[in-house]
Protein backbone atom coordinates (compact mmCIF):
# COMPACT_ATOMS: atom_id res chain seq x y z
CA MET A 1 0.00 0.00 0.00
CA GLY A 2 2.91 2.33 0.65
CA GLY A 3 3.99 2.08 -3.00
CA ILE A 4 0.49 2.96 -4.19
CA ASP A 5 0.40 5.96 -1.84
CA ARG A 6 3.70 7.20 -3.28
CA ARG A 7 2.37 6.85 -6.83
CA VAL A 8 -0.79 8.75 -5.89
CA ASP A 9 1.32 11.50 -4.27
CA LYS A 10 3.37 11.72 -7.49
CA VAL A 11 0.23 12.17 -9.62
CA LEU A 12 -1.14 14.80 -7.24
CA ALA A 13 2.16 16.69 -7.30
CA GLU A 14 2.31 16.61 -11.11
CA ARG A 15 -1.24 17.89 -11.57
CA SER A 16 -0.92 20.54 -8.84
CA ASN A 17 2.36 21.81 -10.28
CA GLU A 18 0.68 22.21 -13.67
CA LEU A 19 -1.52 24.88 -12.07
CA GLY A 20 1.56 26.87 -11.04
CA ALA A 21 4.58 26.70 -8.76
CA PHE A 22 2.64 28.62 -6.08
CA VAL A 23 0.10 25.80 -5.67
CA THR A 24 0.93 23.55 -2.74
CA PRO A 25 0.52 19.88 -3.77
CA THR A 26 -1.59 17.75 -1.48
CA THR A 27 -0.38 14.44 -0.06
CA ILE A 28 -1.96 11.34 1.41
CA ARG A 29 -1.74 11.10 5.18
CA GLY A 30 -1.81 7.59 6.55
CA SER A 31 -4.44 6.91 9.18
CA GLY A 32 -2.44 4.13 10.84
CA ASP A 33 -3.52 0.62 11.68
CA ALA A 34 -6.81 0.51 13.60
CA GLU A 35 -8.23 -2.57 15.27
CA THR A 36 -11.54 -3.57 13.77
CA ASP A 37 -14.21 -6.01 14.87
CA GLN A 38 -14.50 -8.48 12.00
CA ARG A 39 -17.70 -10.04 13.32
CA ARG A 40 -19.49 -6.71 13.53
CA GLN A 41 -18.31 -5.77 10.04
CA ALA A 42 -19.77 -8.96 8.55
CA ALA A 43 -22.93 -9.06 10.67
CA LYS A 44 -26.16 -9.25 8.70
CA THR A 45 -28.23 -7.86 11.57
CA ILE A 46 -27.37 -4.54 13.20
CA ALA A 47 -28.61 -3.59 16.66
CA THR A 48 -30.59 -0.36 16.94
CA GLU A 49 -31.06 1.63 20.14
CA ASN A 50 -34.49 3.30 19.96
CA PRO A 51 -36.18 3.42 23.40
CA SER A 52 -39.87 4.28 23.73
CA PRO A 53 -40.93 7.64 25.18
CA GLU A 54 -41.93 5.90 28.43
CA ASP A 55 -38.37 4.63 28.88
CA LEU A 56 -36.84 8.08 28.51
CA GLU A 57 -36.66 9.60 31.98
CA TYR A 58 -35.08 12.80 33.15
CA THR A 59 -34.86 14.78 36.35
CA PRO A 60 -36.60 18.19 36.24
CA ALA A 61 -34.30 21.14 36.79
CA ASP A 62 -34.51 23.11 40.00
CA GLU A 63 -36.58 26.22 39.36
CA ALA A 64 -34.74 28.05 42.13
CA ARG A 65 -31.32 27.62 40.60
CA ASP A 66 -29.16 30.71 40.63
CA ALA A 67 -29.60 32.19 37.16
CA GLN A 68 -27.34 35.13 37.95
CA ALA A 69 -24.51 32.82 38.99
CA ARG A 70 -24.87 30.86 35.75
CA LEU A 71 -24.85 34.09 33.74
CA ASP A 72 -21.76 35.32 35.58
CA GLY A 73 -20.07 32.03 34.77
CA TYR A 74 -20.80 32.48 31.08
CA LEU A 75 -19.56 36.05 31.08
CA ALA A 76 -16.47 35.44 33.18
CA GLU A 77 -13.17 35.65 31.37
CA GLN A 78 -11.46 32.35 30.73
CA THR A 79 -8.74 31.62 33.25
CA THR A 80 -7.21 28.60 31.49
CA GLU A 81 -4.17 29.01 29.30
CA ALA A 82 -5.40 30.14 25.90
CA MET A 83 -3.87 29.21 22.57
CA GLU A 84 -2.54 32.16 20.61
CA LEU A 85 -4.40 32.01 17.31
CA SER A 86 -3.22 34.16 14.44
CA LEU A 87 -4.69 34.18 10.95
CA ALA A 88 -1.70 32.27 9.57
CA GLU A 89 -2.05 29.65 12.30
CA ALA A 90 -5.78 29.30 11.64
CA LEU A 91 -5.12 28.72 7.94
CA ARG A 92 -2.41 26.18 8.75
CA ILE A 93 -4.67 24.25 11.13
CA SER A 94 -7.51 24.23 8.61
CA GLN A 95 -5.31 22.45 6.05
CA SER A 96 -4.81 19.48 8.38
CA GLN A 97 -7.96 19.36 10.51
CA SER A 98 -10.81 21.14 8.73
CA ARG A 99 -13.56 18.75 7.65
CA GLU A 100 -14.28 20.86 4.58
CA PHE A 101 -10.65 20.77 3.49
CA LEU A 102 -10.19 17.05 4.14
CA SER A 103 -13.39 16.19 2.23
CA ALA A 104 -12.27 18.21 -0.80
CA GLN A 105 -8.82 16.68 -0.57
CA GLU A 106 -10.34 13.20 -0.51
CA ASP A 107 -12.18 13.86 -3.79
CA TYR A 108 -8.87 14.95 -5.34
CA VAL A 109 -7.08 11.82 -4.09
CA LEU A 110 -9.87 9.53 -5.35
CA ALA A 111 -9.52 11.05 -8.83
CA ALA A 112 -5.78 10.29 -8.75
CA ILE A 113 -6.41 6.71 -7.62
CA THR A 114 -8.86 6.21 -10.48
CA LEU A 115 -6.18 7.45 -12.88
CA LEU A 116 -3.65 4.93 -11.53
CA ILE A 117 -6.18 2.14 -12.07
CA GLN A 118 -6.73 3.21 -15.69
CA ARG A 119 -2.99 3.48 -16.33
CA HIS A 120 -2.49 -0.01 -14.94
CA ARG A 121 -4.86 -1.39 -17.58
CA PHE A 122 -2.29 -0.55 -20.25
CA ASP A 123 0.74 -1.85 -18.35
CA PRO A 124 2.08 -5.36 -19.01
CA ARG A 125 0.10 -7.64 -16.71
CA LEU A 126 1.28 -11.05 -15.56
CA PHE A 127 -1.11 -13.94 -15.07
CA ASN A 128 -0.87 -17.57 -14.03
CA THR A 129 -3.76 -20.01 -14.35
CA THR A 130 -3.69 -23.60 -13.09
CA THR A 131 -6.41 -26.12 -13.89
CA VAL A 132 -6.55 -29.60 -12.31
CA GLU A 133 -9.00 -32.17 -13.70
CA VAL A 134 -9.77 -35.83 -13.13
CA GLY A 135 -11.64 -37.75 -15.81
CA GLY A 136 -12.56 -41.36 -16.44
CA ALA A 137 -14.08 -43.61 -19.10
CA GLY A 138 -15.06 -47.27 -19.37
CA ASP A 139 -14.15 -49.69 -22.17
CA GLU A 140 -15.57 -53.24 -22.02
CA GLY A 141 -15.61 -53.24 -18.27
CA GLN A 142 -12.19 -51.65 -17.95
CA PHE A 143 -12.27 -48.19 -16.41
CA THR A 144 -9.49 -45.70 -16.85
CA SER A 145 -8.99 -42.54 -14.82
CA VAL A 146 -6.73 -39.72 -15.93
CA LEU A 147 -5.33 -36.86 -13.86
CA SER A 148 -4.42 -33.81 -15.92
CA ILE A 149 -2.81 -30.54 -14.87
CA LEU A 150 -2.77 -27.51 -17.15
CA ASN A 151 -0.76 -24.44 -16.15
CA GLU A 152 -0.55 -21.25 -18.21
CA LEU A 153 1.94 -18.54 -17.26
CA GLY A 154 2.05 -15.41 -19.37
CA VAL A 155 1.84 -11.68 -19.81
CA THR A 156 -0.68 -9.50 -21.64
CA LYS A 157 -0.39 -5.98 -22.94
CA GLN A 158 -3.24 -3.72 -24.05
CA PHE A 159 -2.60 -0.81 -26.41
CA GLU A 160 -4.12 2.63 -26.11
CA ARG A 161 -5.08 2.61 -29.80
CA GLY A 162 -6.86 -0.72 -29.44
CA GLY A 163 -5.89 -4.36 -29.44
CA GLN A 164 -3.74 -6.53 -27.24
CA VAL A 165 -0.95 -9.08 -27.43
CA ALA A 166 -0.26 -11.99 -25.12
CA ALA A 167 2.72 -14.26 -24.60
CA SER A 168 2.28 -17.41 -22.54
CA TRP A 169 3.92 -20.68 -21.62
CA ILE A 170 1.42 -23.55 -21.45
CA LEU A 171 2.42 -26.66 -19.50
CA ASN A 172 0.21 -29.76 -19.84
CA ALA A 173 0.82 -32.85 -17.73
CA SER A 174 -1.35 -35.96 -17.41
CA GLU A 175 -1.11 -39.38 -15.82
CA ASP A 176 -3.22 -42.53 -16.14
CA LEU A 177 -4.46 -43.55 -12.71
CA ARG A 178 -4.37 -47.33 -13.27
CA THR A 179 -3.45 -50.14 -10.99
CA GLY A 180 -0.42 -52.26 -11.75
CA ALA A 181 2.58 -51.36 -13.86
CA THR A 182 0.72 -49.79 -16.74
CA ASP A 183 0.78 -46.26 -15.29
CA ARG A 184 1.84 -43.68 -17.86
CA TYR A 185 2.88 -40.07 -17.35
CA THR A 186 2.99 -37.55 -20.22
CA GLN A 187 4.07 -33.94 -20.21
CA SER A 188 4.20 -31.32 -22.93
CA SER A 189 4.53 -27.56 -23.11
CA GLU A 190 4.10 -24.80 -25.66
CA ILE A 191 5.09 -21.17 -26.02
CA VAL A 192 2.28 -19.11 -27.56
CA LEU A 193 2.31 -15.57 -28.91
CA SER A 194 -1.08 -14.16 -29.91
CA GLY A 195 -2.62 -10.84 -30.78
CA ASN A 196 -5.98 -9.29 -31.58
CA PHE A 197 -6.38 -5.82 -33.13
CA PRO A 198 -9.62 -4.01 -34.04
CA LEU A 199 -9.77 -2.08 -37.31
CA LEU A 200 -13.18 -0.39 -37.02
CA ARG A 201 -15.21 -0.63 -33.84
CA GLY A 202 -13.01 -0.16 -30.78
CA ALA A 203 -10.03 1.13 -32.77
CA GLY A 204 -8.34 4.45 -32.10
CA THR A 205 -8.65 6.70 -29.08
CA VAL A 206 -11.98 5.13 -28.14
CA ALA A 207 -10.02 2.14 -26.83
CA SER A 208 -8.39 4.32 -24.18
CA GLU A 209 -11.44 6.45 -23.36
CA GLY A 210 -11.29 5.45 -19.71
CA LEU A 211 -7.65 6.54 -19.46
CA ILE A 212 -8.24 9.79 -21.34
CA GLN A 213 -11.17 10.73 -19.13
CA ALA A 214 -9.30 9.75 -15.96
CA GLU A 215 -6.33 11.93 -16.96
CA ARG A 216 -8.64 14.86 -17.63
CA ASN A 217 -10.63 14.23 -14.45
CA VAL A 218 -7.47 14.58 -12.36
CA VAL A 219 -6.86 17.97 -13.99
CA TYR A 220 -10.46 18.94 -13.23
CA ALA A 221 -10.03 17.73 -9.65
CA ALA A 222 -6.80 19.70 -9.27
CA ARG A 223 -8.50 22.88 -10.49
CA THR A 224 -11.55 22.27 -8.30
CA PHE A 225 -9.43 21.60 -5.24
CA GLU A 226 -7.27 24.66 -5.80
CA ARG A 227 -10.33 26.87 -6.29
CA PHE A 228 -11.90 25.42 -3.15
CA ARG A 229 -8.69 26.00 -1.21
CA ARG A 230 -8.61 29.66 -2.22
CA GLN A 231 -12.28 30.17 -1.38
CA LEU A 232 -11.84 28.41 1.95
CA PHE A 233 -8.88 30.59 2.92
CA VAL A 234 -10.76 33.75 1.97
CA SER A 235 -13.81 32.60 3.94
CA ILE A 236 -11.72 31.70 7.00
CA ALA A 237 -9.94 35.05 6.80
CA SER A 238 -13.34 36.80 6.62
CA ASP A 239 -14.56 34.91 9.70
CA TYR A 240 -11.32 35.77 11.50
CA ILE A 241 -11.74 39.47 10.73
CA ARG A 242 -15.36 39.33 11.92
CA LEU A 243 -14.11 37.93 15.23
CA LEU A 244 -11.73 40.87 15.52
CA GLN A 245 -14.61 43.23 14.77
CA GLN A 246 -16.70 41.62 17.49
CA LEU A 247 -13.81 41.94 19.95
CA ALA A 248 -13.49 45.61 19.03
CA SER A 249 -17.23 46.08 19.65
CA ILE A 250 -16.86 44.45 23.07
CA GLN A 251 -13.94 46.73 23.94
CA ASN A 252 -15.89 49.80 22.83
CA GLN A 253 -18.85 48.71 24.93
CA GLU A 254 -16.60 48.18 27.95
CA ARG A 255 -15.24 51.70 27.58
CA ARG A 256 -18.81 53.00 27.27
CA ILE A 257 -19.74 51.24 30.50
CA GLU A 258 -16.76 52.84 32.23
CA SER A 259 -17.96 56.24 31.04
CA LEU A 260 -21.51 55.52 32.22
CA GLU A 261 -20.22 54.42 35.61
CA LEU A 262 -18.34 57.71 35.94
CA LEU A 263 -21.46 59.57 34.80
CA LEU A 264 -23.57 57.73 37.40
CA ALA A 265 -21.10 58.59 40.17
CA GLU A 266 -21.02 62.21 39.05
CA THR A 267 -24.83 62.39 38.91
CA GLN A 268 -25.06 60.84 42.36
CA ALA A 269 -22.66 63.45 43.72
CA LYS A 270 -24.60 66.30 42.12
CA ALA A 271 -27.86 64.91 43.48
CA ASP A 272 -26.36 64.80 46.95
CA ALA A 273 -25.34 68.44 46.50
CA GLY A 274 -28.83 69.34 45.30
CA GLN A 275 -27.65 70.35 41.85
CA VAL A 276 -29.79 67.81 39.95
CA ARG A 277 -33.05 66.06 40.59
CA GLY A 278 -33.29 62.46 41.78
CA PHE A 279 -34.87 61.08 38.59
CA GLU A 280 -31.64 61.82 36.69
CA ILE A 281 -29.95 59.20 38.86
CA SER A 282 -32.54 56.66 37.68
CA ILE A 283 -31.85 57.63 34.07
CA ALA A 284 -28.09 57.16 34.55
CA GLU A 285 -28.65 53.80 36.26
CA SER A 286 -30.97 52.68 33.44
CA ASP A 287 -28.40 53.64 30.79
CA LEU A 288 -25.72 51.71 32.68
CA LEU A 289 -27.89 48.59 33.00
CA GLN A 290 -28.77 48.70 29.29
CA ALA A 291 -25.09 49.01 28.40
CA GLN A 292 -24.22 46.06 30.65
CA ALA A 293 -26.97 43.96 29.07
CA SER A 294 -25.70 44.91 25.62
CA LEU A 295 -22.17 43.88 26.67
CA ALA A 296 -23.48 40.51 27.84
CA GLY A 297 -25.15 40.01 24.46
CA LEU A 298 -21.98 40.97 22.59
CA ARG A 299 -19.89 38.55 24.65
CA ASP A 300 -22.40 35.76 24.15
CA SER A 301 -22.49 36.40 20.39
CA TYR A 302 -18.68 36.43 20.27
CA ARG A 303 -18.40 33.09 22.07
CA PHE A 304 -20.90 31.56 19.67
CA SER A 305 -18.95 32.90 16.66
CA GLU A 306 -15.67 31.75 18.19
CA ASP A 307 -17.01 28.20 18.72
CA ARG A 308 -18.24 28.07 15.13
CA PHE A 309 -14.85 29.27 13.93
CA LYS A 310 -13.01 26.63 15.96
CA ILE A 311 -15.29 23.89 14.63
CA ARG A 312 -14.73 25.06 11.07
CA ILE A 313 -10.92 25.01 11.24
CA GLY A 314 -10.92 21.73 13.18
CA LEU A 315 -10.12 22.83 16.74
CA PRO A 316 -11.92 21.32 19.76
CA VAL A 317 -14.70 23.54 21.06
CA ASP A 318 -13.28 23.40 24.59
CA GLN A 319 -9.88 24.67 23.39
CA ALA A 320 -9.41 28.19 24.74
CA VAL A 321 -8.01 30.56 22.11
CA HIS A 322 -6.84 34.14 22.00
CA VAL A 323 -7.50 35.74 18.63
CA SER A 324 -4.44 37.82 17.79
CA PRO A 325 -5.12 41.33 16.49
CA MET A 326 -3.82 42.13 13.04
CA GLN A 327 -3.75 44.81 10.40
CA LEU A 328 -4.66 43.63 6.94
CA MET A 329 -2.97 45.88 4.41
CA LEU A 330 -4.35 45.04 0.98
CA PRO A 331 -3.96 47.72 -1.71
CA ASP A 332 -6.86 48.21 -4.09
CA PRO A 333 -6.06 46.82 -7.55
CA ASP A 334 -5.74 49.38 -10.31
CA ILE A 335 -7.78 47.61 -12.97
CA GLY A 336 -10.74 48.46 -15.14
CA LEU A 337 -13.95 46.51 -15.51
CA ASP A 338 -13.13 45.25 -19.00
CA GLU A 339 -9.69 44.00 -17.95
CA ALA A 340 -11.13 42.34 -14.84
CA MET A 341 -13.72 40.52 -16.95
CA ARG A 342 -11.07 39.44 -19.45
CA ARG A 343 -8.89 38.01 -16.72
CA ALA A 344 -11.82 36.25 -15.09
CA LEU A 345 -12.77 34.59 -18.38
CA GLU A 346 -9.16 33.54 -18.86
CA PHE A 347 -8.06 32.53 -15.36
CA ARG A 348 -11.15 31.20 -13.54
CA LEU A 349 -10.50 27.53 -12.87
CA ASP A 350 -14.16 26.53 -12.78
CA LEU A 351 -14.74 28.16 -16.16
CA GLN A 352 -11.77 26.27 -17.62
CA ASN A 353 -13.31 23.03 -16.35
CA SER A 354 -16.62 23.87 -18.01
CA ARG A 355 -14.91 24.61 -21.33
CA ASP A 356 -12.91 21.39 -21.27
CA ARG A 357 -15.99 19.36 -20.37
CA VAL A 358 -17.57 20.58 -23.60
CA LEU A 359 -14.72 18.80 -25.39
CA ASP A 360 -15.47 15.71 -23.31
CA ALA A 361 -19.05 15.79 -24.53
CA ARG A 362 -17.93 16.10 -28.16
CA ARG A 363 -15.52 13.20 -27.69
CA ALA A 364 -18.36 11.14 -26.21
CA VAL A 365 -20.40 11.76 -29.37
CA SER A 366 -17.47 10.61 -31.50
CA ASN A 367 -17.10 7.48 -29.37
CA ALA A 368 -20.81 6.79 -29.75
CA ARG A 369 -20.42 6.91 -33.54
CA ASN A 370 -17.58 4.41 -33.29
CA ASP A 371 -19.74 2.11 -31.20
CA ILE A 372 -22.21 1.54 -34.06
CA LEU A 373 -19.52 0.52 -36.57
CA PRO A 374 -19.05 -3.13 -37.60
CA ASP A 375 -16.60 -5.29 -35.66
CA LEU A 376 -13.61 -5.93 -37.91
CA ASP A 377 -10.75 -7.56 -36.00
CA VAL A 378 -7.45 -9.06 -37.11
CA ASN A 379 -6.06 -11.91 -35.03
CA ALA A 380 -2.92 -14.00 -35.20
CA ARG A 381 -1.32 -16.81 -33.21
CA VAL A 382 2.08 -18.50 -33.23
CA GLY A 383 2.81 -21.60 -31.15
CA LEU A 384 6.11 -23.38 -30.49
CA PRO A 385 5.44 -26.78 -28.84
CA THR A 386 7.69 -29.54 -27.60
CA ASP A 387 8.15 -32.74 -29.60
CA PRO A 388 4.77 -34.53 -29.56
CA ASP A 389 6.53 -37.91 -29.94
CA GLU A 390 8.22 -37.50 -26.57
CA ASP A 391 6.27 -38.54 -23.47
CA GLU A 392 8.08 -35.91 -21.43
CA GLY A 393 8.77 -32.91 -23.58
CA ARG A 394 10.17 -30.80 -20.72
CA LEU A 395 11.74 -27.70 -22.34
CA GLY A 396 12.78 -29.37 -25.57
CA PHE A 397 10.87 -27.11 -27.95
CA ASP A 398 10.86 -28.35 -31.53
CA PRO A 399 10.92 -25.62 -34.24
CA ASP A 400 9.79 -28.20 -36.78
CA GLU A 401 6.45 -28.38 -34.97
CA LEU A 402 5.88 -24.60 -35.17
CA SER A 403 2.26 -23.67 -35.85
CA TYR A 404 0.69 -20.38 -36.79
CA SER A 405 -2.66 -18.95 -37.72
CA ALA A 406 -4.02 -15.60 -38.81
CA GLY A 407 -7.48 -14.43 -39.61
CA ILE A 408 -9.95 -11.63 -39.79
CA MET A 409 -13.37 -11.51 -38.16
CA LEU A 410 -16.28 -9.39 -39.38
CA ASP A 411 -19.40 -8.85 -37.30
CA LEU A 412 -22.01 -6.82 -39.16
CA PRO A 413 -24.01 -4.29 -37.08
CA LEU A 414 -27.40 -5.87 -37.67
CA ASP A 415 -28.64 -4.88 -34.21
CA ARG A 416 -27.22 -1.67 -32.75
CA LEU A 417 -30.45 -0.29 -31.31
CA GLU A 418 -29.09 0.10 -27.79
CA GLU A 419 -25.93 1.83 -29.02
CA LYS A 420 -27.95 4.24 -31.16
């Protein structure tokens, strides 16, 4: 499996680098060996936990619980050691732990694995087939049993333009299973080279359609993944900036509360001196209480946004973080509307995918036309056996016994309704 992972990483790196040197290629991360319960995996019946409403019991909450204490606990500042979280660190964490990122990366990796499978179809492929048979027949009350073993070892090769060749070594051994001294063992072998090539239906690029589409799909997946990665980073940066804005709103509200507290103290002093009426104290107290309630709402909203942000980048919700302040200095681009539209039509990765998929559709039409053509195949076979006069031919191949055949097969398209 390690070799396959390295081949997949190589394909991902090649396709990512085609998008530009600035694109970071993705890699497969091993999940390690996990113990699995084989019986549960193969079980035909699966237990379901679905209790009835009568079985679901709970203890009612105490109505006299201290709501103010609970609220103070929510609003209290965190005393545990907080993780310093900058924008760069948030982006780094999202590339290894974000569910969105890992899901998009998985689609990219699956496209690369499909490509490796299609490429393997056109690699030389070894095979070895062994057949063991026992047969018997009777002749005037005498029964004879024969044990035969046929082994074929060879290699096949498919071509991207259609057709395949095969080279094999066929070993045939048999023995009469008789009683007495009449047992007889025979063995022969043959080297066979054969080939089959289509001339009409199945000839040309249609023979490697799966490989062509898989190669193009990896390019599509690379573009899609890179576009998703950019959009994800922009979205995470936007969420990060919104957190900073919420923190700034909280700080502004805290300063406003400090001012209102000073105003309340000043109003109280003036009321004691008889300079203002008593109702102005109530107004100042009301303004202070409203500001404190607003601060509680801002803090609650910030904690909710912070938890959502941590979940999105893949951090545990109970992980305390300190969002680092930052200044984002992005100059406005000096570009006109026409130039911006031209660049978008030229550089947008999703638009490039859509254009190339039009070519896929046209190629599919061409392949469909090929599928209604007649079957016209050329085949040939050459065999080099051992001496048939020898009971045990071993590896003594006899060139005088060389055999060959060649032919052409035509299958007229009398019924192509499904293909049409």
